[in-house]
Amino acid sequence: MALLLALVVPIPASAAGPAVDDAKIEYYEPMANVAVTSLSSAASGKGLAVSVVFTNSSSRSQGVYYRVVWLDQTGNAISGRVPWSGIAINGNSAQSVSLTTADPAASSYRLQLSLGKNF
């Protein structure tokens, strides 16, 4: 069984992070005001850790739903259905989320994003 930990931290909107690999992101609908401005991963013990920074360019608060599908070396999902988590991002600000799995089979991931309209 995989262990999933999440840590949500507000950060300054001007903070720059690593480049974003759009191939690792799956959008369920267009997101006009929220962008992933940083996406990185690193080995964590026997598993994998992913850090995401969401930036809201609107003056209004915006909710986003996200989940990480952990992948093995062949690109197949290593766990069953992954639950969605939600985050509210204040207007004109950024917020980081860190996700970790302790599953040693995880070698990659796919970040799935939704505004909650397609559930």
C-alpha atoms as a PDB file:
ATOM      1  CA  MET A   1       0.000   0.000   0.000  1.00  0.00           C
ATOM      2  CA  ALA A   2       1.384   3.432  -0.946  1.00  0.00           C
ATOM      3  CA  LEU A   3       1.557   6.204   1.596  1.00  0.00           C
ATOM      4  CA  LEU A   4       0.638   9.677   0.366  1.00  0.00           C
ATOM      5  CA  LEU A   5       1.555  12.773   2.319  1.00  0.00           C
ATOM      6  CA  ALA A   6       0.616  16.320   1.333  1.00  0.00           C
ATOM      7  CA  LEU A   7       1.933  19.613   2.648  1.00  0.00           C
ATOM      8  CA  VAL A   8       0.391  22.922   1.542  1.00  0.00           C
ATOM      9  CA  VAL A   9       2.373  26.122   2.054  1.00  0.00           C
ATOM     10  CA  PRO A  10       1.531  29.691   0.892  1.00  0.00           C
ATOM     11  CA  ILE A  11       4.466  31.344  -0.876  1.00  0.00           C
ATOM     12  CA  PRO A  12       5.141  34.792  -2.338  1.00  0.00           C
ATOM     13  CA  ALA A  13       3.731  35.110  -5.860  1.00  0.00           C
ATOM     14  CA  SER A  14       7.059  36.449  -7.100  1.00  0.00           C
ATOM     15  CA  ALA A  15       9.032  33.356  -6.039  1.00  0.00           C
ATOM     16  CA  ALA A  16      10.488  31.605  -9.072  1.00  0.00           C
ATOM     17  CA  GLY A  17      10.961  27.860  -9.177  1.00  0.00           C
ATOM     18  CA  PRO A  18      12.117  25.107 -11.510  1.00  0.00           C
ATOM     19  CA  ALA A  19      10.795  24.976 -15.058  1.00  0.00           C
ATOM     20  CA  VAL A  20       7.504  23.170 -15.599  1.00  0.00           C
ATOM     21  CA  ASP A  21       7.399  19.947 -17.635  1.00  0.00           C
ATOM     22  CA  ASP A  22       3.927  20.243 -19.191  1.00  0.00           C
ATOM     23  CA  ALA A  23       4.097  16.604 -20.311  1.00  0.00           C
ATOM     24  CA  LYS A  24       3.620  15.607 -16.660  1.00  0.00           C
ATOM     25  CA  ILE A  25       0.384  17.632 -16.267  1.00  0.00           C
ATOM     26  CA  GLU A  26      -3.083  16.536 -17.347  1.00  0.00           C
ATOM     27  CA  TYR A  27      -5.722  19.298 -17.344  1.00  0.00           C
ATOM     28  CA  TYR A  28      -9.366  18.220 -17.127  1.00  0.00           C
ATOM     29  CA  GLU A  29     -10.521  21.659 -18.328  1.00  0.00           C
ATOM     30  CA  PRO A  30      -8.856  24.983 -19.220  1.00  0.00           C
ATOM     31  CA  MET A  31      -7.622  27.027 -16.270  1.00  0.00           C
ATOM     32  CA  ALA A  32      -7.588  30.687 -17.243  1.00  0.00           C
ATOM     33  CA  ASN A  33      -6.372  32.148 -13.950  1.00  0.00           C
ATOM     34  CA  VAL A  34      -4.410  29.352 -12.286  1.00  0.00           C
ATOM     35  CA  ALA A  35      -1.096  28.049 -13.573  1.00  0.00           C
ATOM     36  CA  VAL A  36       1.481  25.541 -12.412  1.00  0.00           C
ATOM     37  CA  THR A  37       4.534  27.780 -12.166  1.00  0.00           C
ATOM     38  CA  SER A  38       6.893  25.204 -10.672  1.00  0.00           C
ATOM     39  CA  LEU A  39       6.923  21.416 -10.795  1.00  0.00           C
ATOM     40  CA  SER A  40       9.763  19.264  -9.538  1.00  0.00           C
ATOM     41  CA  SER A  41      10.438  15.800  -8.178  1.00  0.00           C
ATOM     42  CA  ALA A  42      13.157  14.055  -6.211  1.00  0.00           C
ATOM     43  CA  ALA A  43      13.846  10.642  -4.752  1.00  0.00           C
ATOM     44  CA  SER A  44      12.653  10.504  -1.153  1.00  0.00           C
ATOM     45  CA  GLY A  45      13.967   7.559   0.819  1.00  0.00           C
ATOM     46  CA  LYS A  46      12.567   4.580  -1.068  1.00  0.00           C
ATOM     47  CA  GLY A  47       9.853   6.615  -2.813  1.00  0.00           C
ATOM     48  CA  LEU A  48       9.342   9.825  -4.729  1.00  0.00           C
ATOM     49  CA  ALA A  49       8.444  13.394  -3.723  1.00  0.00           C
ATOM     50  CA  VAL A  50       6.762  15.966  -5.968  1.00  0.00           C
ATOM     51  CA  SER A  51       6.592  19.703  -5.322  1.00  0.00           C
ATOM     52  CA  VAL A  52       4.054  21.884  -7.167  1.00  0.00           C
ATOM     53  CA  VAL A  53       3.538  25.659  -7.079  1.00  0.00           C
ATOM     54  CA  PHE A  54       0.133  26.961  -8.179  1.00  0.00           C
ATOM     55  CA  THR A  55      -0.148  30.665  -9.039  1.00  0.00           C
ATOM     56  CA  ASN A  56      -3.464  32.513  -9.242  1.00  0.00           C
ATOM     57  CA  SER A  57      -3.312  35.559 -11.534  1.00  0.00           C
ATOM     58  CA  SER A  58      -6.871  36.650 -10.693  1.00  0.00           C
ATOM     59  CA  SER A  59      -7.765  39.060  -7.908  1.00  0.00           C
ATOM     60  CA  ARG A  60     -10.348  36.532  -6.685  1.00  0.00           C
ATOM     61  CA  SER A  61      -9.708  33.318  -4.777  1.00  0.00           C
ATOM     62  CA  GLN A  62      -9.724  30.207  -6.971  1.00  0.00           C
ATOM     63  CA  GLY A  63     -10.233  26.569  -6.032  1.00  0.00           C
ATOM     64  CA  VAL A  64      -8.302  23.799  -7.772  1.00  0.00           C
ATOM     65  CA  TYR A  65      -8.502  20.034  -7.394  1.00  0.00           C
ATOM     66  CA  TYR A  66      -5.382  17.947  -7.908  1.00  0.00           C
ATOM     67  CA  ARG A  67      -4.081  14.428  -7.603  1.00  0.00           C
ATOM     68  CA  VAL A  68      -0.865  12.624  -8.422  1.00  0.00           C
ATOM     69  CA  VAL A  69      -0.878   9.308 -10.224  1.00  0.00           C
ATOM     70  CA  TRP A  70       2.366   7.524  -9.348  1.00  0.00           C
ATOM     71  CA  LEU A  71       3.929   5.624 -12.247  1.00  0.00           C
ATOM     72  CA  ASP A  72       6.385   2.725 -12.454  1.00  0.00           C
ATOM     73  CA  GLN A  73       9.353   2.512 -14.844  1.00  0.00           C
ATOM     74  CA  THR A  74       7.102   1.387 -17.709  1.00  0.00           C
ATOM     75  CA  GLY A  75       4.693   4.323 -17.238  1.00  0.00           C
ATOM     76  CA  ASN A  76       1.885   2.308 -15.682  1.00  0.00           C
ATOM     77  CA  ALA A  77      -0.016   3.534 -12.620  1.00  0.00           C
ATOM     78  CA  ILE A  78       1.155   1.675  -9.513  1.00  0.00           C
ATOM     79  CA  SER A  79      -1.955   2.162  -7.422  1.00  0.00           C
ATOM     80  CA  GLY A  80      -5.682   2.036  -7.944  1.00  0.00           C
ATOM     81  CA  ARG A  81      -7.988   5.015  -7.944  1.00  0.00           C
ATOM     82  CA  VAL A  82      -6.287   8.073  -6.440  1.00  0.00           C
ATOM     83  CA  PRO A  83      -8.556  10.515  -4.543  1.00  0.00           C
ATOM     84  CA  TRP A  84      -8.709  14.194  -5.460  1.00  0.00           C
ATOM     85  CA  SER A  85      -7.514  16.874  -3.028  1.00  0.00           C
ATOM     86  CA  GLY A  86      -8.616  20.496  -3.111  1.00  0.00           C
ATOM     87  CA  ILE A  87      -6.787  23.738  -2.536  1.00  0.00           C
ATOM     88  CA  ALA A  88      -7.994  27.349  -2.401  1.00  0.00           C
ATOM     89  CA  ILE A  89      -5.500  29.859  -3.769  1.00  0.00           C
ATOM     90  CA  ASN A  90      -6.005  33.473  -2.736  1.00  0.00           C
ATOM     91  CA  GLY A  91      -6.128  36.132  -5.436  1.00  0.00           C
ATOM     92  CA  ASN A  92      -2.804  37.262  -6.911  1.00  0.00           C
ATOM     93  CA  SER A  93      -0.841  34.740  -4.881  1.00  0.00           C
ATOM     94  CA  ALA A  94       0.891  31.385  -5.105  1.00  0.00           C
ATOM     95  CA  GLN A  95       0.745  28.273  -3.002  1.00  0.00           C
ATOM     96  CA  SER A  96       2.956  25.194  -2.946  1.00  0.00           C
ATOM     97  CA  VAL A  97       1.921  21.594  -2.438  1.00  0.00           C
ATOM     98  CA  SER A  98       4.307  18.740  -1.669  1.00  0.00           C
ATOM     99  CA  LEU A  99       3.258  15.139  -2.266  1.00  0.00           C
ATOM    100  CA  THR A 100       5.211  12.028  -1.339  1.00  0.00           C
ATOM    101  CA  THR A 101       4.824   8.308  -1.878  1.00  0.00           C
ATOM    102  CA  ALA A 102       6.795   5.688  -0.007  1.00  0.00           C
ATOM    103  CA  ASP A 103       6.201   3.106  -2.740  1.00  0.00           C
ATOM    104  CA  PRO A 104       9.630   2.060  -4.072  1.00  0.00           C
ATOM    105  CA  ALA A 105       8.076   1.184  -7.458  1.00  0.00           C
ATOM    106  CA  ALA A 106       7.285   4.864  -8.130  1.00  0.00           C
ATOM    107  CA  SER A 107       9.752   6.310 -10.612  1.00  0.00           C
ATOM    108  CA  SER A 108       7.597   8.997 -12.226  1.00  0.00           C
ATOM    109  CA  TYR A 109       4.212  10.677 -11.907  1.00  0.00           C
ATOM    110  CA  ARG A 110       1.394  12.479 -13.679  1.00  0.00           C
ATOM    111  CA  LEU A 111      -0.254  15.517 -12.041  1.00  0.00           C
ATOM    112  CA  GLN A 112      -3.983  15.757 -12.800  1.00  0.00           C
ATOM    113  CA  LEU A 113      -5.775  19.100 -12.357  1.00  0.00           C
ATOM    114  CA  SER A 114      -9.426  20.115 -12.358  1.00  0.00           C
ATOM    115  CA  LEU A 115     -11.611  23.033 -11.365  1.00  0.00           C
ATOM    116  CA  GLY A 116     -14.123  20.466 -10.089  1.00  0.00           C
ATOM    117  CA  LYS A 117     -16.498  20.810 -13.044  1.00  0.00           C
ATOM    118  CA  ASN A 118     -15.974  17.290 -14.378  1.00  0.00           C
ATOM    119  CA  PHE A 119     -16.539  15.205 -11.259  1.00  0.00           C
END
